[in-house]
C-alpha atoms as a PDB file:
ATOM      1  CA  UNK A   1      49.131  13.801-138.499  1.00  0.00           C
ATOM      2  CA  UNK A   2      47.434  17.098-139.122  1.00  0.00           C
ATOM      3  CA  UNK A   3      44.438  18.343-137.980  1.00  0.00           C
ATOM      4  CA  UNK A   4      41.617  19.838-140.022  1.00  0.00           C
ATOM      5  CA  UNK A   5      41.473  23.165-140.920  1.00  0.00           C
ATOM      6  CA  UNK A   6      37.656  23.477-139.006  1.00  0.00           C
ATOM      7  CA  UNK A   7      39.260  21.665-136.119  1.00  0.00           C
ATOM      8  CA  UNK A   8      41.940  23.974-135.643  1.00  0.00           C
ATOM      9  CA  UNK A   9      40.042  26.817-135.991  1.00  0.00           C
ATOM     10  CA  UNK A  10      37.567  26.019-133.542  1.00  0.00           C
ATOM     11  CA  UNK A  11      40.003  25.151-131.149  1.00  0.00           C
ATOM     12  CA  UNK A  12      41.411  28.455-131.566  1.00  0.00           C
ATOM     13  CA  UNK A  13      38.831  30.556-130.972  1.00  0.00           C
ATOM     14  CA  UNK A  14      37.842  28.254-127.948  1.00  0.00           C
ATOM     15  CA  UNK A  15      41.338  29.290-126.351  1.00  0.00           C
ATOM     16  CA  UNK A  16      41.013  33.083-127.124  1.00  0.00           C
ATOM     17  CA  UNK A  17      37.612  32.824-125.648  1.00  0.00           C
ATOM     18  CA  UNK A  18      38.659  31.343-122.110  1.00  0.00           C
ATOM     19  CA  UNK A  19      41.672  33.803-122.757  1.00  0.00           C
ATOM     20  CA  UNK A  20      38.868  36.269-122.704  1.00  0.00           C
ATOM     21  CA  UNK A  21      36.811  34.907-120.270  1.00  0.00           C
ATOM     22  CA  UNK A  22      40.018  34.409-117.863  1.00  0.00           C
ATOM     23  CA  UNK A  23      40.723  38.581-118.213  1.00  0.00           C
ATOM     24  CA  UNK A  24      37.262  38.871-117.553  1.00  0.00           C
ATOM     25  CA  UNK A  25      37.274  37.743-114.248  1.00  0.00           C
ATOM     26  CA  UNK A  26      39.847  38.952-113.444  1.00  0.00           C
ATOM     27  CA  UNK A  27      39.454  42.427-113.948  1.00  0.00           C
ATOM     28  CA  UNK A  28      35.692  41.831-112.169  1.00  0.00           C
ATOM     29  CA  UNK A  29      37.339  40.204-109.307  1.00  0.00           C
ATOM     30  CA  UNK A  30      39.452  43.202-108.451  1.00  0.00           C
ATOM     31  CA  UNK A  31      37.226  45.661-109.266  1.00  0.00           C
ATOM     32  CA  UNK A  32      34.917  43.986-106.272  1.00  0.00           C
ATOM     33  CA  UNK A  33      37.738  44.506-104.549  1.00  0.00           C
ATOM     34  CA  UNK A  34      38.221  47.622-104.757  1.00  0.00           C
ATOM     35  CA  UNK A  35      34.618  48.556-104.633  1.00  0.00           C
ATOM     36  CA  UNK A  36      35.015  46.907-101.070  1.00  0.00           C
ATOM     37  CA  UNK A  37      38.331  48.958-100.040  1.00  0.00           C
ATOM     38  CA  UNK A  38      36.287  51.685-101.453  1.00  0.00           C
ATOM     39  CA  UNK A  39      33.454  50.826 -98.965  1.00  0.00           C
ATOM     40  CA  UNK A  40      35.985  50.024 -95.905  1.00  0.00           C
ATOM     41  CA  UNK A  41      38.001  53.307 -96.204  1.00  0.00           C
ATOM     42  CA  UNK A  42      34.932  55.757 -96.254  1.00  0.00           C
ATOM     43  CA  UNK A  43      33.371  54.433 -92.884  1.00  0.00           C
ATOM     44  CA  UNK A  44      34.989  56.569 -90.194  1.00  0.00           C
ATOM     45  CA  UNK A  45      33.608  54.174 -87.272  1.00  0.00           C
ATOM     46  CA  UNK A  46      33.303  50.624 -87.783  1.00  0.00           C
ATOM     47  CA  UNK A  47      33.021  47.896 -84.787  1.00  0.00           C
ATOM     48  CA  UNK A  48      32.907  43.860 -85.545  1.00  0.00           C
ATOM     49  CA  UNK A  49      33.551  40.757 -83.835  1.00  0.00           C
ATOM     50  CA  UNK A  50      35.977  38.122 -85.545  1.00  0.00           C
ATOM     51  CA  UNK A  51      36.615  34.684 -85.253  1.00  0.00           C
ATOM     52  CA  UNK A  52      40.640  33.663 -85.592  1.00  0.00           C
ATOM     53  CA  UNK A  53      42.873  30.939 -86.289  1.00  0.00           C
ATOM     54  CA  UNK A  54      46.294  30.230 -87.017  1.00  0.00           C
ATOM     55  CA  UNK A  55      47.861  26.847 -88.171  1.00  0.00           C
ATOM     56  CA  UNK A  56      51.069  25.671 -86.801  1.00  0.00           C
ATOM     57  CA  UNK A  57      52.955  22.712 -88.607  1.00  0.00           C
ATOM     58  CA  UNK A  58      54.988  21.100 -86.137  1.00  0.00           C
ATOM     59  CA  UNK A  59      58.548  19.864 -86.986  1.00  0.00           C
ATOM     60  CA  UNK A  60      57.120  16.099 -87.644  1.00  0.00           C
ATOM     61  CA  UNK A  61      54.458  17.805 -89.912  1.00  0.00           C
ATOM     62  CA  UNK A  62      51.548  17.854 -87.508  1.00  0.00           C
ATOM     63  CA  UNK A  63      49.189  20.317 -88.550  1.00  0.00           C
ATOM     64  CA  UNK A  64      47.393  22.273 -85.186  1.00  0.00           C
ATOM     65  CA  UNK A  65      44.915  24.834 -85.259  1.00  0.00           C
ATOM     66  CA  UNK A  66      45.125  27.965 -82.253  1.00  0.00           C
ATOM     67  CA  UNK A  67      41.701  29.788 -81.744  1.00  0.00           C
ATOM     68  CA  UNK A  68      40.438  32.861 -81.009  1.00  0.00           C
ATOM     69  CA  UNK A  69      38.008  35.678 -80.567  1.00  0.00           C
ATOM     70  CA  UNK A  70      37.419  39.294 -80.093  1.00  0.00           C
ATOM     71  CA  UNK A  71      36.350  42.598 -81.141  1.00  0.00           C
ATOM     72  CA  UNK A  72      37.386  45.654 -82.852  1.00  0.00           C
ATOM     73  CA  UNK A  73      36.750  48.936 -82.548  1.00  0.00           C
ATOM     74  CA  UNK A  74      37.732  51.275 -85.293  1.00  0.00           C
ATOM     75  CA  UNK A  75      37.660  55.440 -85.794  1.00  0.00           C
ATOM     76  CA  UNK A  76      39.475  56.706 -88.804  1.00  0.00           C
ATOM     77  CA  UNK A  77      41.816  57.844 -89.100  1.00  0.00           C
ATOM     78  CA  UNK A  78      43.824  57.653 -85.299  1.00  0.00           C
ATOM     79  CA  UNK A  79      41.991  55.762 -82.828  1.00  0.00           C
ATOM     80  CA  UNK A  80      41.362  51.212 -82.735  1.00  0.00           C
ATOM     81  CA  UNK A  81      40.254  49.061 -79.775  1.00  0.00           C
ATOM     82  CA  UNK A  82      41.182  45.450 -79.954  1.00  0.00           C
ATOM     83  CA  UNK A  83      40.341  42.539 -77.874  1.00  0.00           C
ATOM     84  CA  UNK A  84      41.741  38.330 -78.362  1.00  0.00           C
ATOM     85  CA  UNK A  85      39.988  35.862 -76.239  1.00  0.00           C
ATOM     86  CA  UNK A  86      41.794  32.619 -76.485  1.00  0.00           C
ATOM     87  CA  UNK A  87      43.302  29.661 -75.320  1.00  0.00           C
ATOM     88  CA  UNK A  88      46.614  31.065 -74.524  1.00  0.00           C
ATOM     89  CA  UNK A  89      46.334  34.565 -73.533  1.00  0.00           C
ATOM     90  CA  UNK A  90      43.497  37.556 -73.524  1.00  0.00           C
ATOM     91  CA  UNK A  91      45.053  40.719 -74.791  1.00  0.00           C
ATOM     92  CA  UNK A  92      42.659  44.192 -75.497  1.00  0.00           C
ATOM     93  CA  UNK A  93      44.984  46.524 -77.393  1.00  0.00           C
ATOM     94  CA  UNK A  94      44.107  50.601 -77.279  1.00  0.00           C
ATOM     95  CA  UNK A  95      45.264  53.298 -79.784  1.00  0.00           C
ATOM     96  CA  UNK A  96      43.895  57.362 -78.990  1.00  0.00           C
ATOM     97  CA  UNK A  97      45.739  58.464 -82.178  1.00  0.00           C
ATOM     98  CA  UNK A  98      48.906  59.448 -79.400  1.00  0.00           C
ATOM     99  CA  UNK A  99      49.579  56.679 -76.538  1.00  0.00           C
ATOM    100  CA  UNK A 100      49.853  52.595 -77.740  1.00  0.00           C
ATOM    101  CA  UNK A 101      48.354  50.542 -74.618  1.00  0.00           C
ATOM    102  CA  UNK A 102      48.600  47.241 -74.432  1.00  0.00           C
ATOM    103  CA  UNK A 103      46.888  44.790 -71.803  1.00  0.00           C
ATOM    104  CA  UNK A 104      48.027  41.305 -71.136  1.00  0.00           C
ATOM    105  CA  UNK A 105      44.565  40.434 -69.277  1.00  0.00           C
ATOM    106  CA  UNK A 106      45.988  37.240 -68.126  1.00  0.00           C
ATOM    107  CA  UNK A 107      48.820  38.329 -65.963  1.00  0.00           C
ATOM    108  CA  UNK A 108      47.196  42.113 -65.108  1.00  0.00           C
ATOM    109  CA  UNK A 109      49.433  43.763 -66.879  1.00  0.00           C
ATOM    110  CA  UNK A 110      49.455  46.823 -69.482  1.00  0.00           C
ATOM    111  CA  UNK A 111      52.728  48.284 -71.322  1.00  0.00           C
ATOM    112  CA  UNK A 112      52.628  51.770 -73.279  1.00  0.00           C
ATOM    113  CA  UNK A 113      54.032  53.547 -75.672  1.00  0.00           C
ATOM    114  CA  UNK A 114      54.197  57.279 -77.901  1.00  0.00           C
ATOM    115  CA  UNK A 115      52.985  56.125 -80.968  1.00  0.00           C
ATOM    116  CA  UNK A 116      51.154  59.750 -82.499  1.00  0.00           C
ATOM    117  CA  UNK A 117      50.199  59.578 -85.836  1.00  0.00           C
ATOM    118  CA  UNK A 118      47.174  57.471 -87.714  1.00  0.00           C
ATOM    119  CA  UNK A 119      46.282  53.866 -87.979  1.00  0.00           C
ATOM    120  CA  UNK A 120      48.345  52.591 -90.795  1.00  0.00           C
ATOM    121  CA  UNK A 121      51.392  54.118 -88.980  1.00  0.00           C
ATOM    122  CA  UNK A 122      50.821  52.482 -86.112  1.00  0.00           C
ATOM    123  CA  UNK A 123      50.310  49.416 -87.773  1.00  0.00           C
ATOM    124  CA  UNK A 124      53.872  49.623 -89.486  1.00  0.00           C
ATOM    125  CA  UNK A 125      54.756  50.331 -85.986  1.00  0.00           C
ATOM    126  CA  UNK A 126      53.820  47.372 -84.885  1.00  0.00           C
ATOM    127  CA  UNK A 127      55.866  45.873 -87.588  1.00  0.00           C
ATOM    128  CA  UNK A 128      58.661  47.654 -87.775  1.00  0.00           C
ATOM    129  CA  UNK A 129      59.965  48.950 -83.849  1.00  0.00           C
ATOM    130  CA  UNK A 130      58.163  46.465 -82.197  1.00  0.00           C
ATOM    131  CA  UNK A 131      58.333  43.001 -84.137  1.00  0.00           C
ATOM    132  CA  UNK A 132      54.288  42.369 -83.856  1.00  0.00           C
ATOM    133  CA  UNK A 133      52.720  42.140 -87.135  1.00  0.00           C
ATOM    134  CA  UNK A 134      49.072  42.053 -86.822  1.00  0.00           C
ATOM    135  CA  UNK A 135      47.268  39.346 -89.657  1.00  0.00           C
ATOM    136  CA  UNK A 136      44.967  40.680 -91.257  1.00  0.00           C
ATOM    137  CA  UNK A 137      45.572  44.292 -90.690  1.00  0.00           C
ATOM    138  CA  UNK A 138      45.370  45.091 -93.991  1.00  0.00           C
ATOM    139  CA  UNK A 139      42.139  45.146 -93.517  1.00  0.00           C
ATOM    140  CA  UNK A 140      42.094  48.253 -91.850  1.00  0.00           C
ATOM    141  CA  UNK A 141      44.552  51.002 -93.379  1.00  0.00           C
ATOM    142  CA  UNK A 142      43.553  53.803 -95.548  1.00  0.00           C
ATOM    143  CA  UNK A 143      45.142  51.722 -98.795  1.00  0.00           C
ATOM    144  CA  UNK A 144      43.376  48.202 -98.082  1.00  0.00           C
ATOM    145  CA  UNK A 145      43.113  48.358-102.249  1.00  0.00           C
ATOM    146  CA  UNK A 146      47.149  48.350-102.556  1.00  0.00           C
ATOM    147  CA  UNK A 147      47.833  46.596-100.009  1.00  0.00           C
ATOM    148  CA  UNK A 148      46.301  43.769-101.280  1.00  0.00           C
ATOM    149  CA  UNK A 149      47.509  43.870-105.053  1.00  0.00           C
ATOM    150  CA  UNK A 150      50.717  44.905-104.156  1.00  0.00           C
ATOM    151  CA  UNK A 151      52.219  41.760-106.342  1.00  0.00           C
ATOM    152  CA  UNK A 152      49.749  39.994-106.775  1.00  0.00           C
ATOM    153  CA  UNK A 153      50.388  37.262-110.188  1.00  0.00           C
ATOM    154  CA  UNK A 154      47.152  35.451-110.352  1.00  0.00           C
ATOM    155  CA  UNK A 155      43.396  36.139-109.787  1.00  0.00           C
ATOM    156  CA  UNK A 156      41.030  33.512-109.327  1.00  0.00           C
ATOM    157  CA  UNK A 157      36.882  34.730-108.912  1.00  0.00           C
ATOM    158  CA  UNK A 158      35.197  31.766-107.574  1.00  0.00           C
ATOM    159  CA  UNK A 159      31.783  32.647-107.488  1.00  0.00           C
ATOM    160  CA  UNK A 160      29.545  32.657-104.264  1.00  0.00           C
ATOM    161  CA  UNK A 161      29.901  31.495-101.510  1.00  0.00           C
ATOM    162  CA  UNK A 162      28.043  31.926 -97.774  1.00  0.00           C
ATOM    163  CA  UNK A 163      29.494  33.485 -94.982  1.00  0.00           C
ATOM    164  CA  UNK A 164      27.403  33.193 -91.544  1.00  0.00           C
ATOM    165  CA  UNK A 165      24.646  33.569 -93.451  1.00  0.00           C
ATOM    166  CA  UNK A 166      25.878  36.063 -95.747  1.00  0.00           C
ATOM    167  CA  UNK A 167      26.369  35.337 -99.095  1.00  0.00           C
ATOM    168  CA  UNK A 168      29.586  36.646-100.394  1.00  0.00           C
ATOM    169  CA  UNK A 169      31.367  36.753-103.723  1.00  0.00           C
ATOM    170  CA  UNK A 170      34.646  34.377-103.167  1.00  0.00           C
ATOM    171  CA  UNK A 171      38.294  35.638-104.583  1.00  0.00           C
ATOM    172  CA  UNK A 172      41.331  34.202-104.844  1.00  0.00           C
ATOM    173  CA  UNK A 173      45.250  35.896-104.895  1.00  0.00           C
ATOM    174  CA  UNK A 174      48.611  34.813-105.370  1.00  0.00           C
ATOM    175  CA  UNK A 175      51.676  36.220-105.066  1.00  0.00           C
ATOM    176  CA  UNK A 176      55.270  35.100-104.831  1.00  0.00           C
ATOM    177  CA  UNK A 177      55.473  34.627-100.466  1.00  0.00           C
ATOM    178  CA  UNK A 178      51.329  34.337-100.345  1.00  0.00           C
ATOM    179  CA  UNK A 179      48.313  32.201-101.258  1.00  0.00           C
ATOM    180  CA  UNK A 180      45.145  34.193-100.123  1.00  0.00           C
ATOM    181  CA  UNK A 181      41.564  34.534-100.128  1.00  0.00           C
ATOM    182  CA  UNK A 182      38.612  36.762 -99.314  1.00  0.00           C
ATOM    183  CA  UNK A 183      34.596  36.456 -99.493  1.00  0.00           C
ATOM    184  CA  UNK A 184      32.965  40.007 -99.508  1.00  0.00           C
ATOM    185  CA  UNK A 185      29.620  40.908 -98.112  1.00  0.00           C
ATOM    186  CA  UNK A 186      27.055  41.379-101.517  1.00  0.00           C
ATOM    187  CA  UNK A 187      25.061  44.572-101.506  1.00  0.00           C
ATOM    188  CA  UNK A 188      25.838  47.912-100.584  1.00  0.00           C
ATOM    189  CA  UNK A 189      27.699  47.087 -97.691  1.00  0.00           C
ATOM    190  CA  UNK A 190      30.585  44.908 -99.319  1.00  0.00           C
ATOM    191  CA  UNK A 191      32.742  44.442 -95.945  1.00  0.00           C
ATOM    192  CA  UNK A 192      35.319  41.464 -96.022  1.00  0.00           C
ATOM    193  CA  UNK A 193      33.523  38.693 -94.636  1.00  0.00           C
ATOM    194  CA  UNK A 194      36.253  35.872 -94.478  1.00  0.00           C
ATOM    195  CA  UNK A 195      39.832  36.388 -95.238  1.00  0.00           C
ATOM    196  CA  UNK A 196      42.628  33.558 -94.920  1.00  0.00           C
ATOM    197  CA  UNK A 197      46.442  33.670 -95.415  1.00  0.00           C
ATOM    198  CA  UNK A 198      48.792  30.868 -96.832  1.00  0.00           C
ATOM    199  CA  UNK A 199      52.362  30.584 -96.248  1.00  0.00           C
ATOM    200  CA  UNK A 200      53.730  28.907 -99.410  1.00  0.00           C
ATOM    201  CA  UNK A 201      57.162  29.526 -97.796  1.00  0.00           C
ATOM    202  CA  UNK A 202      56.885  27.779 -94.426  1.00  0.00           C
ATOM    203  CA  UNK A 203      56.922  23.581 -95.294  1.00  0.00           C
ATOM    204  CA  UNK A 204      52.514  21.964 -95.063  1.00  0.00           C
ATOM    205  CA  UNK A 205      51.496  25.683 -96.239  1.00  0.00           C
ATOM    206  CA  UNK A 206      50.298  26.866 -92.562  1.00  0.00           C
ATOM    207  CA  UNK A 207      47.274  29.263 -92.623  1.00  0.00           C
ATOM    208  CA  UNK A 208      45.868  32.039 -90.819  1.00  0.00           C
ATOM    209  CA  UNK A 209      42.078  32.751 -91.337  1.00  0.00           C
ATOM    210  CA  UNK A 210      40.369  35.901 -89.572  1.00  0.00           C
ATOM    211  CA  UNK A 211      36.076  35.388 -89.758  1.00  0.00           C
ATOM    212  CA  UNK A 212      33.895  38.966 -89.473  1.00  0.00           C
ATOM    213  CA  UNK A 213      30.298  39.016 -87.887  1.00  0.00           C
ATOM    214  CA  UNK A 214      28.121  41.608 -86.136  1.00  0.00           C
ATOM    215  CA  UNK A 215      29.612  44.495 -88.835  1.00  0.00           C
ATOM    216  CA  UNK A 216      28.207  47.491 -87.597  1.00  0.00           C
ATOM    217  CA  UNK A 217      29.051  51.573 -89.001  1.00  0.00           C
ATOM    218  CA  UNK A 218      28.191  55.044 -88.358  1.00  0.00           C
ATOM    219  CA  UNK A 219      25.387  55.418 -85.619  1.00  0.00           C
ATOM    220  CA  UNK A 220      25.228  51.985 -84.982  1.00  0.00           C
ATOM    221  CA  UNK A 221      28.525  51.365 -83.445  1.00  0.00           C
ATOM    222  CA  UNK A 222      28.464  52.012 -80.058  1.00  0.00           C
ATOM    223  CA  UNK A 223      30.252  55.030 -78.122  1.00  0.00           C
ATOM    224  CA  UNK A 224      33.889  53.653 -77.559  1.00  0.00           C
ATOM    225  CA  UNK A 225      36.215  55.075 -74.787  1.00  0.00           C
ATOM    226  CA  UNK A 226      40.136  54.970 -76.310  1.00  0.00           C
ATOM    227  CA  UNK A 227      41.928  55.874 -73.783  1.00  0.00           C
ATOM    228  CA  UNK A 228      43.781  53.475 -71.419  1.00  0.00           C
ATOM    229  CA  UNK A 229      41.639  53.623 -68.076  1.00  0.00           C
ATOM    230  CA  UNK A 230      43.599  51.572 -65.382  1.00  0.00           C
ATOM    231  CA  UNK A 231      40.432  50.261 -63.430  1.00  0.00           C
ATOM    232  CA  UNK A 232      42.053  46.530 -62.544  1.00  0.00           C
ATOM    233  CA  UNK A 233      44.538  48.459 -61.330  1.00  0.00           C
ATOM    234  CA  UNK A 234      47.438  46.061 -63.367  1.00  0.00           C
ATOM    235  CA  UNK A 235      50.875  46.724 -62.979  1.00  0.00           C
ATOM    236  CA  UNK A 236      52.457  48.837 -65.665  1.00  0.00           C
ATOM    237  CA  UNK A 237      55.455  47.339 -67.148  1.00  0.00           C
ATOM    238  CA  UNK A 238      58.006  48.200 -70.329  1.00  0.00           C
ATOM    239  CA  UNK A 239      57.256  46.402 -73.427  1.00  0.00           C
ATOM    240  CA  UNK A 240      59.448  43.850 -74.314  1.00  0.00           C
ATOM    241  CA  UNK A 241      58.539  42.699 -70.186  1.00  0.00           C
ATOM    242  CA  UNK A 242      54.914  42.623 -71.262  1.00  0.00           C
ATOM    243  CA  UNK A 243      53.833  38.442 -71.146  1.00  0.00           C
ATOM    244  CA  UNK A 244      53.032  36.586 -73.939  1.00  0.00           C
ATOM    245  CA  UNK A 245      50.561  38.009 -76.170  1.00  0.00           C
ATOM    246  CA  UNK A 246      50.899  36.528 -79.630  1.00  0.00           C
ATOM    247  CA  UNK A 247      47.910  34.244 -80.944  1.00  0.00           C
ATOM    248  CA  UNK A 248      51.103  31.370 -81.443  1.00  0.00           C
ATOM    249  CA  UNK A 249      52.190  31.305 -77.574  1.00  0.00           C
ATOM    250  CA  UNK A 250      55.476  30.974 -76.516  1.00  0.00           C
ATOM    251  CA  UNK A 251      55.066  27.192 -75.385  1.00  0.00           C
ATOM    252  CA  UNK A 252      54.252  26.481 -79.199  1.00  0.00           C
ATOM    253  CA  UNK A 253      56.619  27.656 -80.888  1.00  0.00           C
ATOM    254  CA  UNK A 254      59.617  25.614 -79.660  1.00  0.00           C
ATOM    255  CA  UNK A 255      57.404  22.183 -81.597  1.00  0.00           C
ATOM    256  CA  UNK A 256      56.846  24.631 -84.400  1.00  0.00           C
ATOM    257  CA  UNK A 257      58.984  24.989 -87.516  1.00  0.00           C
END
């Protein structure tokens, strides 16, 4: 049966309107993520607390979630101090622009390496040289927008959400390997309140999420020492000898897919 001309025109107009709306939503999402990126990069001194969760999928397809909390202090372009406390590892990392120090507080051990350069360079070295990629590190780089938008193939504007009492704009993005979502605080401090990464290439699609709180910038940030001081008489070891410091502990790796 041939549809009446009026119906065909209506359907065509409706589909064109939907496509235009989709493109507008995509453009708006990218604009707000770019605004977040610009705001983040402009902040010389930053501190925040975080809660993170890492999903593990066992070989029999049971999902387990490992939770940690911590703090980050950052002074651009080349200083960072991060503390992460979890059920399996309590770790501190310090970088003063020259030396990286990682402390396993449970074992009272530390390791150091010369990594002169910026925070961007440190993140690359952790991934490529030490094989310890930092989940969520994209949000700390000097080119956040470029890193986040690399290979994106789909964008969704999901409206508003509330994270820790802060109203946020909520967006979802896809590329070939991962899906990711971000909640960005509304107003003149558009920091990322929550960031969720879903690994599509792993069976059952486990997620990693980090939620930010106590966001401070500029003069709000307390004075921070980015050089390591061995106040606990910790034993120095070579980086490969440092005990289990990852969010995914050794005991879970054998059970995971």
